[in-house]
Amino acid sequence: MGADTNITTRRAYRRTDDHTPGKPRIELVTEPLSLPLAATKVLIKVHAVALNYRNANISNGGNPWPVTPHGVIGNDAAGEIIAVGDQVRFLKIGDRVAPNTDTENLTGREPTRSWLAADEDGVLADFLVYDEKVLGKLPTYLDWIQASIIPCAGVTAWSALKGAVIGQSVLIQGTGGLAMFALKLAKAAGLNVILSSSSDQKLKAVCERLPEPPILTVNYAKNSDWHEEVLKHTNGDGVDIVLENGGPGTLLKSMKCTRRGGIDSQVGYLDRKKFDDAHEILPLLIDRRIILRGINAGSKMDMDDLSSVLAATQIKFDDIIDSTWAFENADEALQYLWEGKQIGKIVIQVQEKEMGAKI
């Protein structure tokens, strides 16, 4: 089935790459779509795009890897297929889909990478064109807002928690979108959760929002030896898994409160301090037999596995959506995220356009 539609352009948010204080970080542009569709590509009408810290970081010039100039931001999206190329085999019009964050990472064995919003354009647009091989089907029980947080935040949390066994413990750092998705998965999997933040107010809000089973909390801003507090929560043993989101300023302490043989999943680099304690990392890593693994979202297969689990468990995520924003207010939403005001996910509700023709 080929694309037979009047749609020829899209609205998309591209980075300005102007980091002057007070200047917009992104601008709305109208640009042509890659049409007609190639044989194995599909046209997607986007309904929602969830923002991640990396979107704000890249837009403010802080990404540690090179990015394409003036790229489209965003890597968490949910949309429906409205047209397909004539050799598309596995998807059909009406399917709810999202591209994988790394469009080269299909099985986890690929030697190359291509990150959305960094190596190639991202997804903050009202229409997208992708090859069917990079798309995963999204669960149908979730609304568009909730479904949009699956591809990056969801798959990252899923990958970071791999290896966890019911009854084990996990330390989750922060109260942003990734942390809250991981919290939902961990509680559903029967894990004992310890949540850390620099804000008592945020910790209280999360505990009130997700009261059962109870969450143990640690305020790392009030206690510089916060790892000792984590150890007390685990009777001195340490947690089985850490979702390590800080980097140089937190990794050593995270390892100190990881049990022997446990896992540290490095999911972020929020703390930009120098690695002054790097000389302690290697001896501790060996002594405690810690598995230190880097997490860059996951493969397309990981997204498929997560979607299957969600469809079976029917987990809802409405309680970890911080706020939804109009498409026209995307720059304000990005600034809100950059200032760290959120608890959970920030989602852009993409304004729908009239199709003007049948598919």
Protein backbone atom coordinates (compact mmCIF):
# COMPACT_ATOMS: atom_id res chain seq x y z
CA MET A 1 0.00 0.00 0.00
CA GLY A 2 1.52 3.28 -1.08
CA ALA A 3 1.03 6.70 0.47
CA ASP A 4 -1.90 8.55 -1.14
CA THR A 5 -2.28 11.74 0.84
CA ASN A 6 -2.20 15.49 0.50
CA ILE A 7 0.33 15.77 3.32
CA THR A 8 3.64 17.02 1.95
CA THR A 9 5.08 19.05 4.85
CA ARG A 10 5.46 18.81 8.59
CA ARG A 11 6.00 21.10 11.56
CA ALA A 12 9.10 20.28 13.58
CA TYR A 13 11.17 21.82 16.38
CA ARG A 14 14.81 22.29 15.45
CA ARG A 15 17.55 23.47 17.79
CA THR A 16 18.69 27.05 17.33
CA ASP A 17 22.15 26.15 18.69
CA ASP A 18 22.17 29.65 20.19
CA HIS A 19 23.06 29.25 23.86
CA THR A 20 22.77 32.94 24.75
CA PRO A 21 20.87 33.33 28.05
CA GLY A 22 17.22 34.15 27.45
CA LYS A 23 17.25 33.10 23.78
CA PRO A 24 14.99 30.26 22.56
CA ARG A 25 16.74 26.90 22.37
CA ILE A 26 14.39 25.52 19.71
CA GLU A 27 12.32 27.01 16.90
CA LEU A 28 9.27 25.73 15.02
CA VAL A 29 9.83 25.23 11.32
CA THR A 30 7.76 23.92 8.43
CA GLU A 31 9.64 21.59 6.12
CA PRO A 32 8.96 19.01 3.40
CA LEU A 33 8.44 15.36 4.28
CA SER A 34 10.50 12.58 2.69
CA LEU A 35 7.86 11.59 0.18
CA PRO A 36 6.91 9.55 -1.74
CA LEU A 37 7.51 6.79 0.77
CA ALA A 38 10.32 4.37 0.06
CA ALA A 39 9.27 0.74 -0.20
CA THR A 40 9.77 -0.24 3.46
CA LYS A 41 9.00 3.10 5.10
CA VAL A 42 5.85 4.35 6.82
CA LEU A 43 4.30 7.74 7.52
CA ILE A 44 3.43 8.35 11.17
CA LYS A 45 1.03 10.91 12.60
CA VAL A 46 2.50 11.90 15.98
CA HIS A 47 0.15 12.31 18.93
CA ALA A 48 2.56 12.89 21.83
CA VAL A 49 6.27 13.45 22.46
CA ALA A 50 7.82 13.03 25.91
CA LEU A 51 10.86 15.13 26.79
CA ASN A 52 13.97 13.72 28.45
CA TYR A 53 16.87 15.42 30.21
CA ARG A 54 19.12 14.69 27.24
CA ASN A 55 16.85 16.86 25.05
CA ALA A 56 17.39 19.87 27.31
CA ASN A 57 21.06 19.07 27.72
CA ILE A 58 21.68 18.84 23.97
CA SER A 59 19.67 22.02 23.35
CA ASN A 60 21.84 23.84 25.89
CA GLY A 61 25.10 22.61 24.38
CA GLY A 62 25.94 20.13 27.12
CA ASN A 63 25.96 16.80 25.30
CA PRO A 64 29.29 14.96 25.74
CA TRP A 65 29.05 13.51 22.20
CA PRO A 66 28.90 15.37 18.87
CA VAL A 67 25.44 16.18 17.52
CA THR A 68 24.16 17.20 14.10
CA PRO A 69 23.75 20.99 13.83
CA HIS A 70 20.23 22.37 14.24
CA GLY A 71 18.74 18.91 14.63
CA VAL A 72 15.15 18.11 15.58
CA ILE A 73 14.98 17.32 19.31
CA GLY A 74 13.08 14.54 21.04
CA ASN A 75 13.44 10.76 21.20
CA ASP A 76 10.26 9.61 22.99
CA ALA A 77 7.19 9.63 20.73
CA ALA A 78 3.90 7.85 20.16
CA GLY A 79 1.98 7.95 16.91
CA GLU A 80 -0.12 6.02 14.44
CA ILE A 81 0.76 4.80 10.98
CA ILE A 82 -1.29 6.59 8.32
CA ALA A 83 0.47 5.36 5.18
CA VAL A 84 2.88 2.57 4.24
CA GLY A 85 5.33 1.81 1.46
CA ASP A 86 4.49 -0.98 -0.96
CA GLN A 87 6.90 -3.50 0.61
CA VAL A 88 6.06 -2.96 4.29
CA ARG A 89 5.46 -6.43 5.75
CA PHE A 90 5.10 -6.26 9.53
CA LEU A 91 3.13 -3.08 10.13
CA LYS A 92 -0.16 -1.68 8.85
CA ILE A 93 -2.16 1.51 8.78
CA GLY A 94 -3.58 2.22 12.23
CA ASP A 95 -0.77 0.55 14.20
CA ARG A 96 0.48 2.51 17.24
CA VAL A 97 4.25 2.77 16.98
CA ALA A 98 7.43 4.51 18.10
CA PRO A 99 10.99 4.53 16.72
CA ASN A 100 13.73 3.09 18.87
CA THR A 101 16.00 5.70 20.48
CA ASP A 102 19.03 4.21 18.73
CA THR A 103 17.84 3.35 15.24
CA GLU A 104 20.89 1.16 14.60
CA ASN A 105 20.37 -0.88 17.77
CA LEU A 106 17.84 -3.48 16.70
CA THR A 107 19.06 -6.62 18.51
CA GLY A 108 21.77 -5.32 20.84
CA ARG A 109 24.53 -6.80 18.68
CA GLU A 110 24.94 -4.05 16.08
CA PRO A 111 28.42 -2.43 15.94
CA THR A 112 27.16 1.06 15.07
CA ARG A 113 24.79 3.59 16.60
CA SER A 114 22.49 6.39 15.49
CA TRP A 115 20.80 8.26 18.32
CA LEU A 116 17.62 10.17 17.70
CA ALA A 117 18.05 13.92 18.33
CA ALA A 118 21.84 13.57 18.19
CA ASP A 119 23.22 11.56 15.26
CA GLU A 120 19.98 12.06 13.32
CA ASP A 121 16.83 14.13 13.65
CA GLY A 122 14.58 13.45 16.61
CA VAL A 123 10.81 13.16 16.90
CA LEU A 124 9.38 16.50 18.07
CA ALA A 125 7.27 16.96 14.93
CA ASP A 126 3.70 16.33 13.86
CA PHE A 127 4.64 13.76 11.19
CA LEU A 128 7.54 11.31 10.93
CA VAL A 129 8.84 8.92 8.27
CA TYR A 130 10.75 5.79 9.34
CA ASP A 131 11.69 2.39 8.02
CA GLU A 132 9.49 -0.23 9.60
CA LYS A 133 12.50 -2.13 10.98
CA VAL A 134 13.26 0.59 13.58
CA LEU A 135 9.66 0.82 14.86
CA GLY A 136 8.15 -0.98 17.82
CA LYS A 137 4.46 -1.48 18.42
CA LEU A 138 3.11 0.29 21.51
CA PRO A 139 0.57 -1.19 23.94
CA THR A 140 -2.99 -0.35 22.95
CA TYR A 141 -4.34 0.00 26.53
CA LEU A 142 -2.35 3.19 27.17
CA ASP A 143 -3.42 6.63 25.98
CA TRP A 144 -1.04 8.56 23.74
CA ILE A 145 0.45 10.57 26.62
CA GLN A 146 1.39 7.48 28.62
CA ALA A 147 2.53 5.53 25.58
CA SER A 148 4.93 8.30 24.57
CA ILE A 149 7.21 7.71 27.57
CA ILE A 150 8.02 4.10 26.62
CA PRO A 151 10.75 4.33 23.93
CA CYS A 152 13.49 6.14 25.87
CA ALA A 153 12.58 6.50 29.57
CA GLY A 154 10.77 3.17 29.61
CA VAL A 155 13.32 1.13 27.69
CA THR A 156 16.19 2.66 29.68
CA ALA A 157 14.50 1.71 32.96
CA TRP A 158 13.77 -1.77 31.60
CA SER A 159 17.40 -2.27 30.53
CA ALA A 160 18.77 -0.92 33.82
CA LEU A 161 16.68 -3.32 35.90
CA LYS A 162 17.61 -6.44 33.95
CA GLY A 163 18.75 -9.20 36.25
CA ALA A 164 16.58 -8.15 39.18
CA VAL A 165 14.78 -10.88 41.08
CA ILE A 166 11.62 -10.50 43.15
CA GLY A 167 12.45 -9.53 46.72
CA GLN A 168 15.75 -7.85 45.85
CA SER A 169 16.52 -4.18 46.49
CA VAL A 170 17.16 -1.29 44.12
CA LEU A 171 18.45 2.25 44.64
CA ILE A 172 16.86 4.70 42.19
CA GLN A 173 18.48 8.11 41.97
CA GLY A 174 16.29 11.13 41.31
CA THR A 175 12.63 11.84 40.63
CA GLY A 176 12.70 12.58 36.90
CA GLY A 177 10.98 10.62 34.15
CA LEU A 178 13.43 7.73 33.94
CA ALA A 179 13.53 7.35 37.71
CA MET A 180 9.74 7.32 38.02
CA PHE A 181 9.33 4.77 35.22
CA ALA A 182 11.94 2.58 36.91
CA LEU A 183 10.10 3.01 40.20
CA LYS A 184 6.86 1.78 38.64
CA LEU A 185 8.57 -1.24 37.08
CA ALA A 186 10.48 -2.06 40.27
CA LYS A 187 7.37 -1.99 42.43
CA ALA A 188 5.47 -4.13 39.92
CA ALA A 189 8.37 -6.63 39.91
CA GLY A 190 8.33 -6.99 43.69
CA LEU A 191 11.56 -5.12 44.39
CA ASN A 192 12.31 -3.15 47.54
CA VAL A 193 12.86 0.45 46.43
CA ILE A 194 15.13 3.09 47.94
CA LEU A 195 14.66 6.48 46.30
CA SER A 196 17.17 9.33 46.56
CA SER A 197 16.72 13.03 45.87
CA SER A 198 18.02 16.39 47.02
CA SER A 199 14.46 17.50 47.81
CA ASP A 200 12.43 16.31 50.79
CA GLN A 201 9.40 17.86 49.11
CA LYS A 202 9.84 15.71 46.01
CA LEU A 203 10.46 12.58 48.06
CA LYS A 204 7.32 13.22 50.06
CA ALA A 205 5.30 13.83 46.91
CA VAL A 206 6.43 10.56 45.34
CA CYS A 207 5.72 8.58 48.51
CA GLU A 208 2.24 10.08 48.73
CA ARG A 209 1.56 9.42 45.06
CA LEU A 210 2.80 5.81 45.22
CA PRO A 211 2.20 4.74 48.83
CA GLU A 212 2.08 0.94 48.55
CA PRO A 213 4.36 -0.82 49.09
CA PRO A 214 6.26 1.84 51.07
CA ILE A 215 9.34 3.46 49.55
CA LEU A 216 12.48 4.10 51.62
CA THR A 217 14.06 7.50 50.96
CA VAL A 218 17.45 9.21 51.17
CA ASN A 219 18.16 12.94 50.83
CA TYR A 220 21.70 13.13 49.47
CA ALA A 221 21.82 16.93 49.83
CA LYS A 222 21.35 16.73 53.58
CA ASN A 223 23.73 13.82 54.09
CA SER A 224 27.03 13.80 52.22
CA ASP A 225 27.52 10.19 53.33
CA TRP A 226 24.21 9.13 51.84
CA HIS A 227 25.62 5.74 50.87
CA GLU A 228 25.86 4.90 54.57
CA GLU A 229 22.14 5.59 54.87
CA VAL A 230 21.47 3.20 51.98
CA LEU A 231 23.55 0.56 53.74
CA LYS A 232 21.49 1.02 56.92
CA HIS A 233 18.31 0.48 54.88
CA THR A 234 19.75 -2.86 53.69
CA ASN A 235 21.16 -4.11 57.01
CA GLY A 236 24.67 -3.34 55.83
CA ASP A 237 24.53 -5.55 52.75
CA GLY A 238 23.93 -2.94 50.07
CA VAL A 239 21.37 -2.91 47.28
CA ASP A 240 21.27 -5.47 44.48
CA ILE A 241 20.96 -2.86 41.72
CA VAL A 242 21.67 0.86 41.47
CA LEU A 243 20.20 3.10 38.78
CA GLU A 244 23.22 5.41 38.75
CA ASN A 245 22.29 8.78 37.29
CA GLY A 246 25.01 11.09 38.58
CA GLY A 247 28.33 9.96 37.19
CA PRO A 248 31.64 11.29 38.51
CA GLY A 249 30.22 12.82 41.68
CA THR A 250 28.13 9.82 42.75
CA LEU A 251 29.50 6.62 41.21
CA LEU A 252 31.98 5.81 43.99
CA LYS A 253 29.35 6.15 46.73
CA SER A 254 26.87 4.18 44.63
CA MET A 255 29.39 1.35 44.42
CA LYS A 256 30.02 1.53 48.16
CA CYS A 257 26.35 0.80 48.82
CA THR A 258 26.04 -1.94 46.20
CA ARG A 259 26.18 -5.47 47.58
CA ARG A 260 29.03 -7.76 46.58
CA GLY A 261 28.19 -9.18 43.17
CA GLY A 262 25.55 -6.49 42.61
CA ILE A 263 24.90 -4.33 39.55
CA ASP A 264 25.45 -0.62 38.95
CA SER A 265 23.52 0.47 35.85
CA GLN A 266 24.99 3.79 34.66
CA VAL A 267 22.03 5.55 33.06
CA GLY A 268 23.12 9.20 33.23
CA TYR A 269 25.79 11.82 33.85
CA LEU A 270 23.95 14.61 35.66
CA ASP A 271 26.88 15.41 37.96
CA ARG A 272 29.60 17.13 35.94
CA LYS A 273 32.30 17.05 38.63
CA LYS A 274 35.77 15.83 37.76
CA PHE A 275 36.51 12.18 38.43
CA ASP A 276 38.70 13.04 41.42
CA ASP A 277 38.01 9.69 43.09
CA ALA A 278 38.66 7.60 39.97
CA HIS A 279 41.65 5.94 41.64
CA GLU A 280 39.29 4.34 44.17
CA ILE A 281 36.85 3.01 41.59
CA LEU A 282 38.86 0.09 40.22
CA PRO A 283 39.90 -1.46 43.56
CA LEU A 284 36.32 -1.18 44.83
CA LEU A 285 34.94 -2.64 41.61
CA ILE A 286 37.19 -5.68 41.95
CA ASP A 287 36.80 -6.06 45.72
CA ARG A 288 33.00 -5.97 45.66
CA ARG A 289 32.73 -7.88 42.35
CA ILE A 290 30.36 -5.21 41.06
CA ILE A 291 29.00 -5.39 37.52
CA LEU A 292 29.23 -1.84 36.16
CA ARG A 293 27.21 -1.57 32.96
CA GLY A 294 26.52 1.36 30.71
CA ILE A 295 22.90 1.83 29.67
CA ASN A 296 22.01 3.72 26.51
CA ALA A 297 18.26 3.06 26.37
CA GLY A 298 18.11 -0.35 24.67
CA SER A 299 17.53 -2.28 21.48
CA LYS A 300 14.38 -2.43 19.42
CA MET A 301 13.96 -5.96 20.80
CA ASP A 302 14.09 -4.50 24.33
CA MET A 303 11.28 -2.11 23.43
CA ASP A 304 9.23 -4.98 22.04
CA ASP A 305 9.82 -7.03 25.21
CA LEU A 306 8.84 -4.12 27.45
CA SER A 307 5.68 -3.46 25.46
CA SER A 308 4.73 -7.14 25.78
CA VAL A 309 5.24 -7.02 29.55
CA LEU A 310 3.20 -3.84 29.86
CA ALA A 311 0.37 -5.30 27.77
CA ALA A 312 0.31 -8.33 30.09
CA THR A 313 0.48 -6.38 33.35
CA GLN A 314 -1.57 -3.34 32.30
CA ILE A 315 0.61 -0.98 34.35
CA LYS A 316 -0.64 2.61 34.12
CA PHE A 317 1.67 5.63 34.12
CA ASP A 318 -0.76 8.51 34.56
CA ASP A 319 0.53 8.96 38.12
CA ILE A 320 4.06 9.75 36.93
CA ILE A 321 3.14 12.33 34.30
CA ASP A 322 4.28 15.67 35.72
CA SER A 323 2.60 17.84 33.11
CA THR A 324 1.43 18.03 29.50
CA TRP A 325 2.15 20.97 27.25
CA ALA A 326 0.74 22.24 23.98
CA PHE A 327 2.89 21.75 20.89
CA GLU A 328 3.22 25.51 20.52
CA ASN A 329 4.71 25.75 24.04
CA ALA A 330 7.47 23.20 23.53
CA ASP A 331 10.27 25.71 24.22
CA GLU A 332 8.72 26.60 27.59
CA ALA A 333 8.40 22.90 28.43
CA LEU A 334 12.07 22.38 27.57
CA GLN A 335 13.11 25.21 29.89
CA TYR A 336 10.90 23.81 32.67
CA LEU A 337 12.72 20.50 32.27
CA TRP A 338 16.14 22.17 32.20
CA GLU A 339 15.39 23.86 35.52
CA GLY A 340 14.57 20.47 37.08
CA LYS A 341 11.11 21.42 38.29
CA GLN A 342 9.40 18.17 37.32
CA ILE A 343 8.52 15.00 39.18
CA GLY A 344 8.13 12.37 36.47
CA LYS A 345 7.59 12.94 32.78
CA ILE A 346 6.92 16.09 30.76
CA VAL A 347 4.90 15.38 27.62
CA ILE A 348 4.15 17.52 24.57
CA GLN A 349 0.67 16.90 23.20
CA VAL A 350 1.14 17.35 19.48
CA GLN A 351 -1.60 19.40 17.85
CA GLU A 352 -3.46 17.30 15.33
CA LYS A 353 -3.79 18.46 11.76
CA GLU A 354 -6.67 17.65 9.47
CA MET A 355 -5.57 15.08 6.95
CA GLY A 356 -7.36 16.59 3.96
CA ALA A 357 -7.37 13.30 2.08
CA LYS A 358 -8.03 9.62 2.51
CA ILE A 359 -5.19 7.18 2.88
